[in-house]
C-alpha cells in the first residue's frame, strides 16, 4: 500500500477535521478526493494509492463523518459549509490549485468549489454525480437516512451490503463487500454502525427538500454544473445508477462539449473506482493536467 500521513486541520469555525495526505515530490497539481454523503476518506483507499504514484493526493473526511469532529450544530451538515471546509483545507496547505475527485455529494462540493473560488479547481472528476439527480435515487439515499444501519457483526453488515446492492452491483465478490463494509462502517457500543455523527441523518432529512427540483422531482443542479464550463471535467457514471440517468449524462455532454464521459459497467451508485475502465479514464484525464 502507498504510504500516507494522517492529519487534522481546523475549519473556520474551529472543528478538527481529518484528512489523509499521500505525499509526492512531483510538481503536478494535487488531487483532492471528497467522499459521498455517508462515506469517508477510506472510500479512496485504492484509487488514492494508485494516483499517488505520480502526484500528491489528499482524501478528506467531511465534518461529522469518519474521524472528523462532530458538529454541535447539525444544521452545518450542509454542502455550502462542507465546501467552505474543503476550501479551507486547500488554503491551509497553501495549494494554489487542486483537481477535485468527488464521489456523489463530493461531486456537488466540487461544483460549488468552482463556483465560490474560481480558478482554484484545475479539474473535476465527478463519480456518479451530475447536473440532474433522479428522484428514485434520492429516495433510496433518504431511506437509508431514515433507518441508519446497525448490525450485530461485521459478517451481518457485509451480507446486508451485498443483499441490498447486488442488483446494481453484479459480479462483486464477497471479499470486496467485506472490504467495503470495513471502510464504510465502524464499531460502536458493540454494534456495527454508520461512521458518522448520530445527529447527521436527521439533519440531512430535514434539509432534503431545500434543493431546486424539476417537474419530475429530480434535483436540479444545472446552475452549479455551469461553474465547470471552463474546467476540464471527467464524468464517471455507473451503468446501473438510479441517481444519475444516462439521459442526464447525455444532456451534460450537450451542455459541455469537452466533457469526458465514461460508463462503468455493472456498477450502480457509486462505482468503487477500482474498476479497470474507471482507472483507465482517470489516468487519461489526469495525464492532460499538469
C-alpha atoms as a PDB file:
ATOM      1  CA  UNK A   1       0.000   0.000   0.000  1.00  0.00           C
ATOM      2  CA  UNK A   2       1.198   3.506  -0.845  1.00  0.00           C
ATOM      3  CA  UNK A   3       2.214   5.354   2.314  1.00  0.00           C
ATOM      4  CA  UNK A   4       0.191   8.259   3.642  1.00  0.00           C
ATOM      5  CA  UNK A   5       0.157  10.587   6.631  1.00  0.00           C
ATOM      6  CA  UNK A   6      -2.909  11.095   8.821  1.00  0.00           C
ATOM      7  CA  UNK A   7      -3.502  14.701   9.780  1.00  0.00           C
ATOM      8  CA  UNK A   8      -6.059  17.174  11.111  1.00  0.00           C
ATOM      9  CA  UNK A   9      -6.730  20.835  10.330  1.00  0.00           C
ATOM     10  CA  UNK A  10      -9.144  23.428  11.711  1.00  0.00           C
ATOM     11  CA  UNK A  11     -12.255  24.611   9.919  1.00  0.00           C
ATOM     12  CA  UNK A  12     -13.117  28.308  10.013  1.00  0.00           C
ATOM     13  CA  UNK A  13     -15.466  27.639  12.937  1.00  0.00           C
ATOM     14  CA  UNK A  14     -12.863  25.648  14.835  1.00  0.00           C
ATOM     15  CA  UNK A  15     -13.772  21.992  14.183  1.00  0.00           C
ATOM     16  CA  UNK A  16     -10.947  19.475  13.932  1.00  0.00           C
ATOM     17  CA  UNK A  17     -11.253  17.860  10.507  1.00  0.00           C
ATOM     18  CA  UNK A  18      -9.352  14.779   9.358  1.00  0.00           C
ATOM     19  CA  UNK A  19      -7.572  14.071   6.093  1.00  0.00           C
ATOM     20  CA  UNK A  20      -5.019  11.693   4.664  1.00  0.00           C
ATOM     21  CA  UNK A  21      -2.044  13.095   2.797  1.00  0.00           C
ATOM     22  CA  UNK A  22      -0.326  10.887   0.214  1.00  0.00           C
ATOM     23  CA  UNK A  23       2.847  12.928  -0.396  1.00  0.00           C
ATOM     24  CA  UNK A  24       4.702  13.079  -3.701  1.00  0.00           C
ATOM     25  CA  UNK A  25       7.620  15.244  -4.803  1.00  0.00           C
ATOM     26  CA  UNK A  26       6.036  15.883  -8.201  1.00  0.00           C
ATOM     27  CA  UNK A  27       5.113  19.446  -9.159  1.00  0.00           C
ATOM     28  CA  UNK A  28       1.916  18.176 -10.786  1.00  0.00           C
ATOM     29  CA  UNK A  29      -1.375  19.574  -9.463  1.00  0.00           C
ATOM     30  CA  UNK A  30      -2.516  17.575  -6.413  1.00  0.00           C
ATOM     31  CA  UNK A  31      -5.795  15.649  -6.323  1.00  0.00           C
ATOM     32  CA  UNK A  32      -8.317  16.271  -3.533  1.00  0.00           C
ATOM     33  CA  UNK A  33     -10.721  13.355  -3.023  1.00  0.00           C
ATOM     34  CA  UNK A  34     -14.065  14.197  -1.400  1.00  0.00           C
ATOM     35  CA  UNK A  35     -16.384  11.344  -0.341  1.00  0.00           C
ATOM     36  CA  UNK A  36     -20.133  10.901  -0.595  1.00  0.00           C
ATOM     37  CA  UNK A  37     -22.885  11.669   1.879  1.00  0.00           C
ATOM     38  CA  UNK A  38     -22.283   8.912   4.457  1.00  0.00           C
ATOM     39  CA  UNK A  39     -18.823   7.902   3.296  1.00  0.00           C
ATOM     40  CA  UNK A  40     -15.310   8.856   4.403  1.00  0.00           C
ATOM     41  CA  UNK A  41     -11.715   9.074   3.234  1.00  0.00           C
ATOM     42  CA  UNK A  42     -11.390   5.287   3.109  1.00  0.00           C
ATOM     43  CA  UNK A  43     -13.632   5.343   0.051  1.00  0.00           C
ATOM     44  CA  UNK A  44     -10.466   6.175  -1.874  1.00  0.00           C
ATOM     45  CA  UNK A  45      -8.086   3.557  -0.452  1.00  0.00           C
ATOM     46  CA  UNK A  46      -7.387   2.064  -3.869  1.00  0.00           C
ATOM     47  CA  UNK A  47      -7.592   4.997  -6.256  1.00  0.00           C
ATOM     48  CA  UNK A  48      -5.688   7.384  -3.955  1.00  0.00           C
ATOM     49  CA  UNK A  49      -2.806   4.929  -3.700  1.00  0.00           C
ATOM     50  CA  UNK A  50      -2.860   4.489  -7.471  1.00  0.00           C
ATOM     51  CA  UNK A  51      -2.854   8.213  -8.281  1.00  0.00           C
ATOM     52  CA  UNK A  52      -0.205   8.857  -5.611  1.00  0.00           C
ATOM     53  CA  UNK A  53       2.327   7.044  -7.753  1.00  0.00           C
ATOM     54  CA  UNK A  54       2.539  10.174  -9.893  1.00  0.00           C
ATOM     55  CA  UNK A  55       1.227  13.136  -7.843  1.00  0.00           C
ATOM     56  CA  UNK A  56       0.164  14.201  -4.362  1.00  0.00           C
ATOM     57  CA  UNK A  57      -3.266  13.088  -3.173  1.00  0.00           C
ATOM     58  CA  UNK A  58      -5.450  14.278  -0.285  1.00  0.00           C
ATOM     59  CA  UNK A  59      -8.504  12.347   0.930  1.00  0.00           C
ATOM     60  CA  UNK A  60     -10.873  14.109   3.312  1.00  0.00           C
ATOM     61  CA  UNK A  61     -13.410  13.210   5.986  1.00  0.00           C
ATOM     62  CA  UNK A  62     -16.252  15.717   5.867  1.00  0.00           C
ATOM     63  CA  UNK A  63     -17.374  17.201   9.192  1.00  0.00           C
ATOM     64  CA  UNK A  64     -19.291  14.704  11.309  1.00  0.00           C
ATOM     65  CA  UNK A  65     -18.050  11.720   9.306  1.00  0.00           C
ATOM     66  CA  UNK A  66     -15.154   9.353   9.709  1.00  0.00           C
ATOM     67  CA  UNK A  67     -12.501  10.785  12.012  1.00  0.00           C
ATOM     68  CA  UNK A  68     -13.588  14.413  11.709  1.00  0.00           C
ATOM     69  CA  UNK A  69     -15.221  16.082  14.706  1.00  0.00           C
ATOM     70  CA  UNK A  70     -18.996  16.097  15.106  1.00  0.00           C
ATOM     71  CA  UNK A  71     -20.615  19.489  14.737  1.00  0.00           C
ATOM     72  CA  UNK A  72     -22.626  20.653  17.781  1.00  0.00           C
ATOM     73  CA  UNK A  73     -24.951  22.407  15.315  1.00  0.00           C
ATOM     74  CA  UNK A  74     -26.303  19.730  12.913  1.00  0.00           C
ATOM     75  CA  UNK A  75     -27.540  22.451  10.559  1.00  0.00           C
ATOM     76  CA  UNK A  76     -23.930  22.852   9.495  1.00  0.00           C
ATOM     77  CA  UNK A  77     -24.083  19.463   7.781  1.00  0.00           C
ATOM     78  CA  UNK A  78     -24.744  21.244   4.510  1.00  0.00           C
ATOM     79  CA  UNK A  79     -22.994  21.448   1.151  1.00  0.00           C
ATOM     80  CA  UNK A  80     -22.096  25.178   1.478  1.00  0.00           C
ATOM     81  CA  UNK A  81     -20.426  24.620   4.874  1.00  0.00           C
ATOM     82  CA  UNK A  82     -18.655  21.484   3.651  1.00  0.00           C
ATOM     83  CA  UNK A  83     -17.467  23.384   0.583  1.00  0.00           C
ATOM     84  CA  UNK A  84     -16.012  26.029   2.882  1.00  0.00           C
ATOM     85  CA  UNK A  85     -14.238  23.267   4.808  1.00  0.00           C
ATOM     86  CA  UNK A  86     -12.633  21.892   1.640  1.00  0.00           C
ATOM     87  CA  UNK A  87     -11.514  25.339   0.519  1.00  0.00           C
ATOM     88  CA  UNK A  88     -10.078  25.851   3.998  1.00  0.00           C
ATOM     89  CA  UNK A  89      -8.075  22.617   3.675  1.00  0.00           C
ATOM     90  CA  UNK A  90      -6.664  23.788   0.347  1.00  0.00           C
ATOM     91  CA  UNK A  91      -5.786  27.175   1.865  1.00  0.00           C
ATOM     92  CA  UNK A  92      -4.251  25.611   4.979  1.00  0.00           C
ATOM     93  CA  UNK A  93      -1.925  23.564   2.780  1.00  0.00           C
ATOM     94  CA  UNK A  94      -1.191  26.633   0.630  1.00  0.00           C
ATOM     95  CA  UNK A  95      -2.180  24.898  -2.593  1.00  0.00           C
ATOM     96  CA  UNK A  96      -2.902  27.292  -5.471  1.00  0.00           C
ATOM     97  CA  UNK A  97      -4.960  24.692  -7.347  1.00  0.00           C
ATOM     98  CA  UNK A  98      -6.312  21.167  -6.950  1.00  0.00           C
ATOM     99  CA  UNK A  99      -8.036  18.593  -9.104  1.00  0.00           C
ATOM    100  CA  UNK A 100     -11.173  17.526  -7.247  1.00  0.00           C
ATOM    101  CA  UNK A 101     -12.318  13.908  -7.381  1.00  0.00           C
ATOM    102  CA  UNK A 102     -15.791  13.975  -5.888  1.00  0.00           C
ATOM    103  CA  UNK A 103     -17.933  10.929  -5.213  1.00  0.00           C
ATOM    104  CA  UNK A 104     -21.674  11.678  -5.147  1.00  0.00           C
ATOM    105  CA  UNK A 105     -22.066  14.591  -2.652  1.00  0.00           C
ATOM    106  CA  UNK A 106     -18.342  15.181  -3.102  1.00  0.00           C
ATOM    107  CA  UNK A 107     -19.093  15.954  -6.743  1.00  0.00           C
ATOM    108  CA  UNK A 108     -21.585  18.634  -5.712  1.00  0.00           C
ATOM    109  CA  UNK A 109     -18.893  20.117  -3.478  1.00  0.00           C
ATOM    110  CA  UNK A 110     -16.519  20.107  -6.470  1.00  0.00           C
ATOM    111  CA  UNK A 111     -19.052  22.181  -8.436  1.00  0.00           C
ATOM    112  CA  UNK A 112     -19.529  24.598  -5.542  1.00  0.00           C
ATOM    113  CA  UNK A 113     -15.772  24.968  -5.030  1.00  0.00           C
ATOM    114  CA  UNK A 114     -15.550  26.044  -8.673  1.00  0.00           C
ATOM    115  CA  UNK A 115     -18.457  28.447  -8.071  1.00  0.00           C
ATOM    116  CA  UNK A 116     -17.147  30.085  -4.896  1.00  0.00           C
ATOM    117  CA  UNK A 117     -13.425  30.035  -5.719  1.00  0.00           C
ATOM    118  CA  UNK A 118     -12.964  30.341  -9.488  1.00  0.00           C
ATOM    119  CA  UNK A 119      -9.504  29.273 -10.593  1.00  0.00           C
ATOM    120  CA  UNK A 120      -8.896  27.045  -7.570  1.00  0.00           C
ATOM    121  CA  UNK A 121     -10.294  23.928  -9.279  1.00  0.00           C
ATOM    122  CA  UNK A 122      -7.924  22.858 -12.065  1.00  0.00           C
ATOM    123  CA  UNK A 123     -10.026  19.837 -12.956  1.00  0.00           C
ATOM    124  CA  UNK A 124     -13.021  17.878 -11.712  1.00  0.00           C
ATOM    125  CA  UNK A 125     -13.805  14.170 -11.686  1.00  0.00           C
ATOM    126  CA  UNK A 126     -17.479  13.535 -10.884  1.00  0.00           C
ATOM    127  CA  UNK A 127     -18.093   9.993  -9.662  1.00  0.00           C
ATOM    128  CA  UNK A 128     -21.770   9.264 -10.432  1.00  0.00           C
ATOM    129  CA  UNK A 129     -22.807  12.846  -9.777  1.00  0.00           C
ATOM    130  CA  UNK A 130     -24.289  15.210 -12.305  1.00  0.00           C
ATOM    131  CA  UNK A 131     -26.420  18.237 -13.029  1.00  0.00           C
ATOM    132  CA  UNK A 132     -29.718  16.412 -12.533  1.00  0.00           C
ATOM    133  CA  UNK A 133     -30.394  13.678  -9.976  1.00  0.00           C
ATOM    134  CA  UNK A 134     -33.266  11.221 -10.278  1.00  0.00           C
ATOM    135  CA  UNK A 135     -35.975  11.289  -7.614  1.00  0.00           C
ATOM    136  CA  UNK A 136     -35.858   7.479  -7.241  1.00  0.00           C
ATOM    137  CA  UNK A 137     -32.142   7.557  -6.495  1.00  0.00           C
ATOM    138  CA  UNK A 138     -32.571  10.347  -3.969  1.00  0.00           C
ATOM    139  CA  UNK A 139     -35.326   8.409  -2.209  1.00  0.00           C
ATOM    140  CA  UNK A 140     -33.067   5.358  -1.951  1.00  0.00           C
ATOM    141  CA  UNK A 141     -30.493   7.518  -0.159  1.00  0.00           C
ATOM    142  CA  UNK A 142     -33.058   9.096   2.157  1.00  0.00           C
ATOM    143  CA  UNK A 143     -34.415   5.647   3.043  1.00  0.00           C
ATOM    144  CA  UNK A 144     -31.011   4.771   4.483  1.00  0.00           C
ATOM    145  CA  UNK A 145     -31.057   8.006   6.469  1.00  0.00           C
ATOM    146  CA  UNK A 146     -34.459   7.148   7.946  1.00  0.00           C
ATOM    147  CA  UNK A 147     -33.216   3.778   9.204  1.00  0.00           C
ATOM    148  CA  UNK A 148     -29.474   4.128   9.896  1.00  0.00           C
ATOM    149  CA  UNK A 149     -27.519   0.859   9.634  1.00  0.00           C
ATOM    150  CA  UNK A 150     -26.936  -1.165  12.793  1.00  0.00           C
ATOM    151  CA  UNK A 151     -25.606  -4.728  12.707  1.00  0.00           C
ATOM    152  CA  UNK A 152     -24.592  -7.313  15.278  1.00  0.00           C
ATOM    153  CA  UNK A 153     -21.388  -8.290  13.461  1.00  0.00           C
ATOM    154  CA  UNK A 154     -19.155  -7.438  10.522  1.00  0.00           C
ATOM    155  CA  UNK A 155     -20.426 -10.540   8.760  1.00  0.00           C
ATOM    156  CA  UNK A 156     -24.007  -9.333   9.112  1.00  0.00           C
ATOM    157  CA  UNK A 157     -23.027  -5.900   7.800  1.00  0.00           C
ATOM    158  CA  UNK A 158     -21.269  -7.456   4.809  1.00  0.00           C
ATOM    159  CA  UNK A 159     -24.236  -9.670   3.985  1.00  0.00           C
ATOM    160  CA  UNK A 160     -26.631  -6.718   4.189  1.00  0.00           C
ATOM    161  CA  UNK A 161     -24.489  -4.605   1.859  1.00  0.00           C
ATOM    162  CA  UNK A 162     -24.366  -7.400  -0.697  1.00  0.00           C
ATOM    163  CA  UNK A 163     -28.081  -8.184  -0.418  1.00  0.00           C
ATOM    164  CA  UNK A 164     -29.166  -4.555  -0.772  1.00  0.00           C
ATOM    165  CA  UNK A 165     -26.841  -3.716  -3.645  1.00  0.00           C
ATOM    166  CA  UNK A 166     -26.243  -6.849  -5.720  1.00  0.00           C
ATOM    167  CA  UNK A 167     -28.947  -5.990  -8.283  1.00  0.00           C
ATOM    168  CA  UNK A 168     -26.992  -2.871  -9.212  1.00  0.00           C
ATOM    169  CA  UNK A 169     -23.536  -4.318  -8.494  1.00  0.00           C
ATOM    170  CA  UNK A 170     -23.411  -7.815 -10.032  1.00  0.00           C
ATOM    171  CA  UNK A 171     -20.180  -9.805 -10.079  1.00  0.00           C
ATOM    172  CA  UNK A 172     -18.771  -8.284  -6.878  1.00  0.00           C
ATOM    173  CA  UNK A 173     -17.007 -10.803  -4.653  1.00  0.00           C
ATOM    174  CA  UNK A 174     -17.915 -11.284  -1.007  1.00  0.00           C
ATOM    175  CA  UNK A 175     -14.371 -10.267  -0.101  1.00  0.00           C
ATOM    176  CA  UNK A 176     -14.902  -6.932  -1.894  1.00  0.00           C
ATOM    177  CA  UNK A 177     -18.160  -6.392   0.016  1.00  0.00           C
ATOM    178  CA  UNK A 178     -16.281  -7.216   3.225  1.00  0.00           C
ATOM    179  CA  UNK A 179     -13.624  -4.592   2.419  1.00  0.00           C
ATOM    180  CA  UNK A 180     -16.341  -2.076   1.619  1.00  0.00           C
ATOM    181  CA  UNK A 181     -18.112  -2.716   4.928  1.00  0.00           C
ATOM    182  CA  UNK A 182     -14.881  -2.147   6.863  1.00  0.00           C
ATOM    183  CA  UNK A 183     -14.347   1.158   5.050  1.00  0.00           C
ATOM    184  CA  UNK A 184     -17.953   2.327   5.383  1.00  0.00           C
ATOM    185  CA  UNK A 185     -18.900   1.384   8.961  1.00  0.00           C
ATOM    186  CA  UNK A 186     -17.397   1.482  12.466  1.00  0.00           C
ATOM    187  CA  UNK A 187     -17.787  -0.407  15.704  1.00  0.00           C
ATOM    188  CA  UNK A 188     -19.944   1.460  18.215  1.00  0.00           C
ATOM    189  CA  UNK A 189     -21.046   0.073  21.593  1.00  0.00           C
ATOM    190  CA  UNK A 190     -20.823  -3.498  20.385  1.00  0.00           C
ATOM    191  CA  UNK A 191     -22.686  -2.826  17.128  1.00  0.00           C
ATOM    192  CA  UNK A 192     -21.578  -2.076  13.572  1.00  0.00           C
ATOM    193  CA  UNK A 193     -22.967   1.317  12.613  1.00  0.00           C
ATOM    194  CA  UNK A 194     -22.587   4.166  10.159  1.00  0.00           C
ATOM    195  CA  UNK A 195     -19.332   6.035  10.598  1.00  0.00           C
ATOM    196  CA  UNK A 196     -20.920   9.418  11.276  1.00  0.00           C
ATOM    197  CA  UNK A 197     -22.493  11.651  13.914  1.00  0.00           C
ATOM    198  CA  UNK A 198     -25.779  10.089  15.146  1.00  0.00           C
ATOM    199  CA  UNK A 199     -27.399  13.518  14.599  1.00  0.00           C
ATOM    200  CA  UNK A 200     -26.323  13.552  10.962  1.00  0.00           C
ATOM    201  CA  UNK A 201     -29.239  11.585   9.366  1.00  0.00           C
ATOM    202  CA  UNK A 202     -31.905  13.850  10.866  1.00  0.00           C
ATOM    203  CA  UNK A 203     -30.065  16.949   9.639  1.00  0.00           C
ATOM    204  CA  UNK A 204     -29.904  15.555   6.099  1.00  0.00           C
ATOM    205  CA  UNK A 205     -33.581  14.585   6.068  1.00  0.00           C
ATOM    206  CA  UNK A 206     -34.650  17.990   7.356  1.00  0.00           C
ATOM    207  CA  UNK A 207     -32.700  19.675   4.566  1.00  0.00           C
ATOM    208  CA  UNK A 208     -33.690  17.250   1.807  1.00  0.00           C
ATOM    209  CA  UNK A 209     -36.477  19.463   0.475  1.00  0.00           C
ATOM    210  CA  UNK A 210     -34.370  22.592   0.049  1.00  0.00           C
ATOM    211  CA  UNK A 211     -32.728  21.758  -3.303  1.00  0.00           C
ATOM    212  CA  UNK A 212     -34.300  23.077  -6.529  1.00  0.00           C
ATOM    213  CA  UNK A 213     -36.373  20.394  -8.307  1.00  0.00           C
ATOM    214  CA  UNK A 214     -37.506  19.693 -11.843  1.00  0.00           C
ATOM    215  CA  UNK A 215     -41.152  18.909 -12.623  1.00  0.00           C
ATOM    216  CA  UNK A 216     -40.360  15.189 -12.252  1.00  0.00           C
ATOM    217  CA  UNK A 217     -38.992  15.670  -8.735  1.00  0.00           C
ATOM    218  CA  UNK A 218     -35.352  15.290  -9.766  1.00  0.00           C
ATOM    219  CA  UNK A 219     -32.795  17.543  -8.088  1.00  0.00           C
ATOM    220  CA  UNK A 220     -31.725  20.393 -10.365  1.00  0.00           C
ATOM    221  CA  UNK A 221     -28.002  21.199 -10.087  1.00  0.00           C
ATOM    222  CA  UNK A 222     -27.522  22.736 -13.531  1.00  0.00           C
ATOM    223  CA  UNK A 223     -26.600  26.099 -12.026  1.00  0.00           C
ATOM    224  CA  UNK A 224     -23.687  24.569 -10.137  1.00  0.00           C
ATOM    225  CA  UNK A 225     -22.617  22.372 -13.061  1.00  0.00           C
ATOM    226  CA  UNK A 226     -22.289  25.573 -15.080  1.00  0.00           C
ATOM    227  CA  UNK A 227     -19.355  26.588 -12.878  1.00  0.00           C
ATOM    228  CA  UNK A 228     -17.361  23.774 -14.531  1.00  0.00           C
ATOM    229  CA  UNK A 229     -17.901  25.194 -18.025  1.00  0.00           C
ATOM    230  CA  UNK A 230     -14.227  26.189 -18.341  1.00  0.00           C
ATOM    231  CA  UNK A 231     -12.862  23.443 -16.068  1.00  0.00           C
ATOM    232  CA  UNK A 232     -11.639  20.137 -17.551  1.00  0.00           C
ATOM    233  CA  UNK A 233     -14.143  17.571 -16.287  1.00  0.00           C
ATOM    234  CA  UNK A 234     -14.493  13.787 -16.317  1.00  0.00           C
ATOM    235  CA  UNK A 235     -17.867  12.186 -15.611  1.00  0.00           C
ATOM    236  CA  UNK A 236     -17.934   8.589 -14.397  1.00  0.00           C
ATOM    237  CA  UNK A 237     -21.418   7.083 -14.406  1.00  0.00           C
ATOM    238  CA  UNK A 238     -22.378   3.710 -13.017  1.00  0.00           C
ATOM    239  CA  UNK A 239     -24.191   1.762 -15.729  1.00  0.00           C
ATOM    240  CA  UNK A 240     -26.942   0.803 -13.259  1.00  0.00           C
ATOM    241  CA  UNK A 241     -27.108   4.109 -11.396  1.00  0.00           C
ATOM    242  CA  UNK A 242     -30.524   5.089 -10.059  1.00  0.00           C
ATOM    243  CA  UNK A 243     -29.286   8.593  -9.250  1.00  0.00           C
ATOM    244  CA  UNK A 244     -27.660   9.743 -12.490  1.00  0.00           C
ATOM    245  CA  UNK A 245     -29.544   8.664 -15.603  1.00  0.00           C
ATOM    246  CA  UNK A 246     -27.976   8.033 -18.993  1.00  0.00           C
ATOM    247  CA  UNK A 247     -30.210  10.797 -20.381  1.00  0.00           C
ATOM    248  CA  UNK A 248     -28.904  13.300 -17.823  1.00  0.00           C
ATOM    249  CA  UNK A 249     -25.326  12.376 -18.729  1.00  0.00           C
ATOM    250  CA  UNK A 250     -26.100  12.994 -22.409  1.00  0.00           C
ATOM    251  CA  UNK A 251     -27.599  16.390 -21.590  1.00  0.00           C
ATOM    252  CA  UNK A 252     -24.491  17.264 -19.603  1.00  0.00           C
ATOM    253  CA  UNK A 253     -22.358  16.358 -22.618  1.00  0.00           C
ATOM    254  CA  UNK A 254     -24.518  18.560 -24.833  1.00  0.00           C
ATOM    255  CA  UNK A 255     -24.152  21.457 -22.366  1.00  0.00           C
ATOM    256  CA  UNK A 256     -20.389  20.998 -22.026  1.00  0.00           C
ATOM    257  CA  UNK A 257     -18.902  19.761 -25.298  1.00  0.00           C
ATOM    258  CA  UNK A 258     -15.484  18.925 -23.864  1.00  0.00           C
ATOM    259  CA  UNK A 259     -16.909  16.761 -21.054  1.00  0.00           C
ATOM    260  CA  UNK A 260     -15.191  13.385 -20.924  1.00  0.00           C
ATOM    261  CA  UNK A 261     -17.818  10.788 -20.001  1.00  0.00           C
ATOM    262  CA  UNK A 262     -17.287   7.106 -19.216  1.00  0.00           C
ATOM    263  CA  UNK A 263     -19.845   4.490 -18.187  1.00  0.00           C
ATOM    264  CA  UNK A 264     -18.624   1.978 -15.611  1.00  0.00           C
ATOM    265  CA  UNK A 265     -20.104  -1.430 -16.404  1.00  0.00           C
ATOM    266  CA  UNK A 266     -22.047  -3.423 -13.785  1.00  0.00           C
ATOM    267  CA  UNK A 267     -21.991  -0.621 -11.242  1.00  0.00           C
ATOM    268  CA  UNK A 268     -24.738   1.413  -9.634  1.00  0.00           C
ATOM    269  CA  UNK A 269     -24.384   4.412  -7.348  1.00  0.00           C
ATOM    270  CA  UNK A 270     -21.435   4.678  -6.922  1.00  0.00           C
ATOM    271  CA  UNK A 271     -18.539   2.932  -8.726  1.00  0.00           C
ATOM    272  CA  UNK A 272     -15.780   1.779  -6.364  1.00  0.00           C
ATOM    273  CA  UNK A 273     -13.101   3.421  -8.571  1.00  0.00           C
ATOM    274  CA  UNK A 274     -11.098   0.218  -8.743  1.00  0.00           C
ATOM    275  CA  UNK A 275     -12.826  -0.874 -11.950  1.00  0.00           C
ATOM    276  CA  UNK A 276     -10.446  -1.067 -14.978  1.00  0.00           C
ATOM    277  CA  UNK A 277     -12.460   1.392 -17.084  1.00  0.00           C
ATOM    278  CA  UNK A 278     -12.657   3.883 -14.202  1.00  0.00           C
ATOM    279  CA  UNK A 279      -8.930   3.672 -13.504  1.00  0.00           C
ATOM    280  CA  UNK A 280      -8.077   3.989 -17.202  1.00  0.00           C
ATOM    281  CA  UNK A 281     -10.342   7.021 -17.592  1.00  0.00           C
ATOM    282  CA  UNK A 282      -8.910   8.729 -14.507  1.00  0.00           C
ATOM    283  CA  UNK A 283      -5.331   8.090 -15.661  1.00  0.00           C
ATOM    284  CA  UNK A 284      -6.049   9.513 -19.113  1.00  0.00           C
ATOM    285  CA  UNK A 285      -7.813  12.557 -17.673  1.00  0.00           C
ATOM    286  CA  UNK A 286      -5.047  13.352 -15.167  1.00  0.00           C
ATOM    287  CA  UNK A 287      -2.391  12.973 -17.873  1.00  0.00           C
ATOM    288  CA  UNK A 288      -3.853  16.073 -19.528  1.00  0.00           C
ATOM    289  CA  UNK A 289      -3.498  18.305 -16.439  1.00  0.00           C
ATOM    290  CA  UNK A 290      -0.103  19.466 -15.261  1.00  0.00           C
END
